[in-house]
Amino acid sequence: QVQPVESRGGSVQAGDSLRLSCATSGRTFNNYVMGWFRQAPGKEREFVAGISQSGGTTYYADDVEGRFTISRDNAKNTLYLQMNSLKPEDTAVYSCAAARPAYGLTRKSDGFFNWGQGTQVTVSS
C-alpha cells in the first residue's frame, strides 16, 4: 500500500502558480492510479485530477483543465500537481490518494483510499 504525505501548500495571489507534491511510503506506488482532490469550507470533497500508474493517462475536472497538470515520478514515489493561473475559487484543502484497483481511472472519492492529511491552498484576489 501507499501512505501519502502532501507538501506544504501556501497562500498566493490570483494568477500565481503553485506546485504541490505528495510523497508516498511503500514500494508499490507505481501499482496505483493516483489522484488529487480538494475540499473547500462548507463543500464536499471534489475530484481535481487523476493519473494512471505509468503516468501515460491523465484526466481532470472541467474547472481545472488547462490550468492544472498532474504528474508522477515513480522512481521517487512522488505525485505532483502543478497549479497555474490560480483563482480564488481554487482555495481549498488539497489531498492526494491512491485509487482502489477495482475502480480504475475513477473520479469518485469513494474509489480512493489511503488519503494524505491534506494541505491548505489559499488564493486571494
C-alpha atoms as a PDB file:
ATOM      1  CA  GLN A   1       0.000   0.000   0.000  1.00  0.00           C
ATOM      2  CA  VAL A   2       0.951   3.651  -0.232  1.00  0.00           C
ATOM      3  CA  GLN A   3       0.727   6.232   2.519  1.00  0.00           C
ATOM      4  CA  PRO A   4       0.788   9.720   1.036  1.00  0.00           C
ATOM      5  CA  VAL A   5       2.115  12.868   2.689  1.00  0.00           C
ATOM      6  CA  GLU A   6       1.411  16.161   0.943  1.00  0.00           C
ATOM      7  CA  SER A   7       3.875  19.016   0.875  1.00  0.00           C
ATOM      8  CA  ARG A   8       3.007  22.337   2.447  1.00  0.00           C
ATOM      9  CA  GLY A   9       0.579  24.373   0.378  1.00  0.00           C
ATOM     10  CA  GLY A  10       0.572  28.119   0.597  1.00  0.00           C
ATOM     11  CA  SER A  11      -1.106  31.481   0.223  1.00  0.00           C
ATOM     12  CA  VAL A  12      -0.811  33.094  -3.202  1.00  0.00           C
ATOM     13  CA  GLN A  13      -2.383  35.812  -5.306  1.00  0.00           C
ATOM     14  CA  ALA A  14      -4.814  35.181  -8.125  1.00  0.00           C
ATOM     15  CA  GLY A  15      -2.896  34.371 -11.276  1.00  0.00           C
ATOM     16  CA  ASP A  16       0.052  32.879  -9.423  1.00  0.00           C
ATOM     17  CA  SER A  17       1.331  29.319  -9.662  1.00  0.00           C
ATOM     18  CA  LEU A  18       1.954  26.708  -7.009  1.00  0.00           C
ATOM     19  CA  ARG A  19       3.174  23.123  -7.121  1.00  0.00           C
ATOM     20  CA  LEU A  20       2.054  20.512  -4.643  1.00  0.00           C
ATOM     21  CA  SER A  21       3.827  17.249  -4.114  1.00  0.00           C
ATOM     22  CA  CYS A  22       2.721  14.057  -2.455  1.00  0.00           C
ATOM     23  CA  ALA A  23       5.448  11.749  -1.231  1.00  0.00           C
ATOM     24  CA  THR A  24       4.472   8.176  -0.550  1.00  0.00           C
ATOM     25  CA  SER A  25       5.941   5.408   1.517  1.00  0.00           C
ATOM     26  CA  GLY A  26       5.832   1.816   0.438  1.00  0.00           C
ATOM     27  CA  ARG A  27       7.225   0.091  -2.590  1.00  0.00           C
ATOM     28  CA  THR A  28       4.018  -0.263  -4.587  1.00  0.00           C
ATOM     29  CA  PHE A  29       3.404   3.353  -5.653  1.00  0.00           C
ATOM     30  CA  ASN A  30       3.567   2.505  -9.342  1.00  0.00           C
ATOM     31  CA  ASN A  31       0.816  -0.100  -8.924  1.00  0.00           C
ATOM     32  CA  TYR A  32      -1.823   2.548  -8.260  1.00  0.00           C
ATOM     33  CA  VAL A  33      -3.776   5.161 -10.110  1.00  0.00           C
ATOM     34  CA  MET A  34      -3.297   8.329  -8.063  1.00  0.00           C
ATOM     35  CA  GLY A  35      -5.477  11.369  -7.667  1.00  0.00           C
ATOM     36  CA  TRP A  36      -5.771  14.826  -6.202  1.00  0.00           C
ATOM     37  CA  PHE A  37      -8.941  16.054  -4.529  1.00  0.00           C
ATOM     38  CA  ARG A  38      -9.859  19.277  -2.766  1.00  0.00           C
ATOM     39  CA  GLN A  39     -12.378  20.398  -0.211  1.00  0.00           C
ATOM     40  CA  ALA A  40     -13.408  23.993   0.317  1.00  0.00           C
ATOM     41  CA  PRO A  41     -15.102  25.130   3.537  1.00  0.00           C
ATOM     42  CA  GLY A  42     -18.721  24.055   3.630  1.00  0.00           C
ATOM     43  CA  LYS A  43     -18.397  21.986   0.485  1.00  0.00           C
ATOM     44  CA  GLU A  44     -17.950  18.320  -0.290  1.00  0.00           C
ATOM     45  CA  ARG A  45     -14.633  16.898  -1.357  1.00  0.00           C
ATOM     46  CA  GLU A  46     -14.285  17.130  -5.128  1.00  0.00           C
ATOM     47  CA  PHE A  47     -12.068  15.456  -7.701  1.00  0.00           C
ATOM     48  CA  VAL A  48      -9.312  17.585  -9.210  1.00  0.00           C
ATOM     49  CA  ALA A  49      -7.046  15.327 -11.282  1.00  0.00           C
ATOM     50  CA  GLY A  50      -6.023  11.719 -11.742  1.00  0.00           C
ATOM     51  CA  ILE A  51      -3.145   9.859 -13.361  1.00  0.00           C
ATOM     52  CA  SER A  52      -2.600   6.283 -14.470  1.00  0.00           C
ATOM     53  CA  GLN A  53       0.018   4.007 -12.987  1.00  0.00           C
ATOM     54  CA  SER A  54       2.565   4.755 -15.724  1.00  0.00           C
ATOM     55  CA  GLY A  55       1.670   8.422 -15.995  1.00  0.00           C
ATOM     56  CA  GLY A  56       0.614   7.998 -19.595  1.00  0.00           C
ATOM     57  CA  THR A  57      -3.014   8.929 -18.972  1.00  0.00           C
ATOM     58  CA  THR A  58      -4.179  11.997 -17.067  1.00  0.00           C
ATOM     59  CA  TYR A  59      -7.676  13.325 -16.506  1.00  0.00           C
ATOM     60  CA  TYR A  60      -9.025  16.475 -14.911  1.00  0.00           C
ATOM     61  CA  ALA A  61     -12.067  18.184 -13.526  1.00  0.00           C
ATOM     62  CA  ASP A  62     -13.524  20.624 -16.028  1.00  0.00           C
ATOM     63  CA  ASP A  63     -12.762  23.701 -13.961  1.00  0.00           C
ATOM     64  CA  VAL A  64      -9.023  22.975 -13.722  1.00  0.00           C
ATOM     65  CA  GLU A  65      -8.461  21.543 -17.215  1.00  0.00           C
ATOM     66  CA  GLY A  66      -5.799  23.595 -18.948  1.00  0.00           C
ATOM     67  CA  ARG A  67      -4.594  25.227 -15.720  1.00  0.00           C
ATOM     68  CA  PHE A  68      -3.502  22.268 -13.588  1.00  0.00           C
ATOM     69  CA  THR A  69      -1.139  19.452 -14.517  1.00  0.00           C
ATOM     70  CA  ILE A  70      -0.845  16.196 -12.625  1.00  0.00           C
ATOM     71  CA  SER A  71       2.325  14.149 -12.939  1.00  0.00           C
ATOM     72  CA  ARG A  72       4.216  11.427 -11.131  1.00  0.00           C
ATOM     73  CA  ASP A  73       7.769  10.233 -10.667  1.00  0.00           C
ATOM     74  CA  ASN A  74       7.602   6.529  -9.961  1.00  0.00           C
ATOM     75  CA  ALA A  75      11.329   6.361  -9.216  1.00  0.00           C
ATOM     76  CA  LYS A  76      10.769   8.842  -6.375  1.00  0.00           C
ATOM     77  CA  ASN A  77       7.342   7.515  -5.332  1.00  0.00           C
ATOM     78  CA  THR A  78       6.013  11.045  -5.656  1.00  0.00           C
ATOM     79  CA  LEU A  79       2.898  12.616  -7.144  1.00  0.00           C
ATOM     80  CA  TYR A  80       2.737  16.257  -8.229  1.00  0.00           C
ATOM     81  CA  LEU A  81       0.113  18.858  -9.010  1.00  0.00           C
ATOM     82  CA  GLN A  82       1.258  21.951 -10.881  1.00  0.00           C
ATOM     83  CA  MET A  83      -1.349  24.679 -10.497  1.00  0.00           C
ATOM     84  CA  ASN A  84      -1.179  27.708 -12.786  1.00  0.00           C
ATOM     85  CA  SER A  85      -3.443  30.741 -13.188  1.00  0.00           C
ATOM     86  CA  LEU A  86      -4.862  30.160  -9.738  1.00  0.00           C
ATOM     87  CA  LYS A  87      -8.231  31.650  -8.878  1.00  0.00           C
ATOM     88  CA  PRO A  88      -9.810  32.467  -5.516  1.00  0.00           C
ATOM     89  CA  GLU A  89     -12.262  29.625  -6.102  1.00  0.00           C
ATOM     90  CA  ASP A  90      -9.308  27.205  -6.060  1.00  0.00           C
ATOM     91  CA  THR A  91      -8.950  27.878  -2.331  1.00  0.00           C
ATOM     92  CA  ALA A  92      -9.319  24.559  -0.515  1.00  0.00           C
ATOM     93  CA  VAL A  93      -7.563  21.796   1.343  1.00  0.00           C
ATOM     94  CA  TYR A  94      -5.887  19.585  -1.252  1.00  0.00           C
ATOM     95  CA  SER A  95      -5.344  15.888  -0.643  1.00  0.00           C
ATOM     96  CA  CYS A  96      -3.812  13.045  -2.599  1.00  0.00           C
ATOM     97  CA  ALA A  97      -4.854   9.423  -2.518  1.00  0.00           C
ATOM     98  CA  ALA A  98      -4.456   6.111  -4.252  1.00  0.00           C
ATOM     99  CA  ALA A  99      -7.305   4.595  -6.253  1.00  0.00           C
ATOM    100  CA  ARG A 100      -8.678   1.226  -5.330  1.00  0.00           C
ATOM    101  CA  PRO A 101      -7.546  -1.134  -8.107  1.00  0.00           C
ATOM    102  CA  ALA A 102     -11.088  -2.209  -8.983  1.00  0.00           C
ATOM    103  CA  TYR A 103     -12.092   1.393  -9.758  1.00  0.00           C
ATOM    104  CA  GLY A 104      -9.550   2.110 -12.492  1.00  0.00           C
ATOM    105  CA  LEU A 105      -9.354   5.707 -13.720  1.00  0.00           C
ATOM    106  CA  THR A 106     -12.025   6.917 -11.347  1.00  0.00           C
ATOM    107  CA  ARG A 107     -13.154  10.373 -10.252  1.00  0.00           C
ATOM    108  CA  LYS A 108     -15.198   9.055  -7.362  1.00  0.00           C
ATOM    109  CA  SER A 109     -13.997   9.925  -3.889  1.00  0.00           C
ATOM    110  CA  ASP A 110     -15.032   6.537  -2.534  1.00  0.00           C
ATOM    111  CA  GLY A 111     -12.871   4.934  -5.196  1.00  0.00           C
ATOM    112  CA  PHE A 112      -9.771   6.192  -3.416  1.00  0.00           C
ATOM    113  CA  PHE A 113      -8.130   5.170  -0.181  1.00  0.00           C
ATOM    114  CA  ASN A 114      -5.027   5.897   1.899  1.00  0.00           C
ATOM    115  CA  TRP A 115      -5.622   9.642   1.934  1.00  0.00           C
ATOM    116  CA  GLY A 116      -2.922  12.120   2.861  1.00  0.00           C
ATOM    117  CA  GLN A 117      -3.532  14.599   5.665  1.00  0.00           C
ATOM    118  CA  GLY A 118      -4.267  17.448   3.271  1.00  0.00           C
ATOM    119  CA  THR A 119      -2.626  20.803   2.692  1.00  0.00           C
ATOM    120  CA  GLN A 120      -4.193  24.258   2.583  1.00  0.00           C
ATOM    121  CA  VAL A 121      -4.050  26.337  -0.583  1.00  0.00           C
ATOM    122  CA  THR A 122      -5.380  29.878  -0.301  1.00  0.00           C
ATOM    123  CA  VAL A 123      -5.744  32.151  -3.315  1.00  0.00           C
ATOM    124  CA  SER A 124      -6.548  35.784  -2.710  1.00  0.00           C
ATOM    125  CA  SER A 125      -7.892  38.213  -5.283  1.00  0.00           C
END
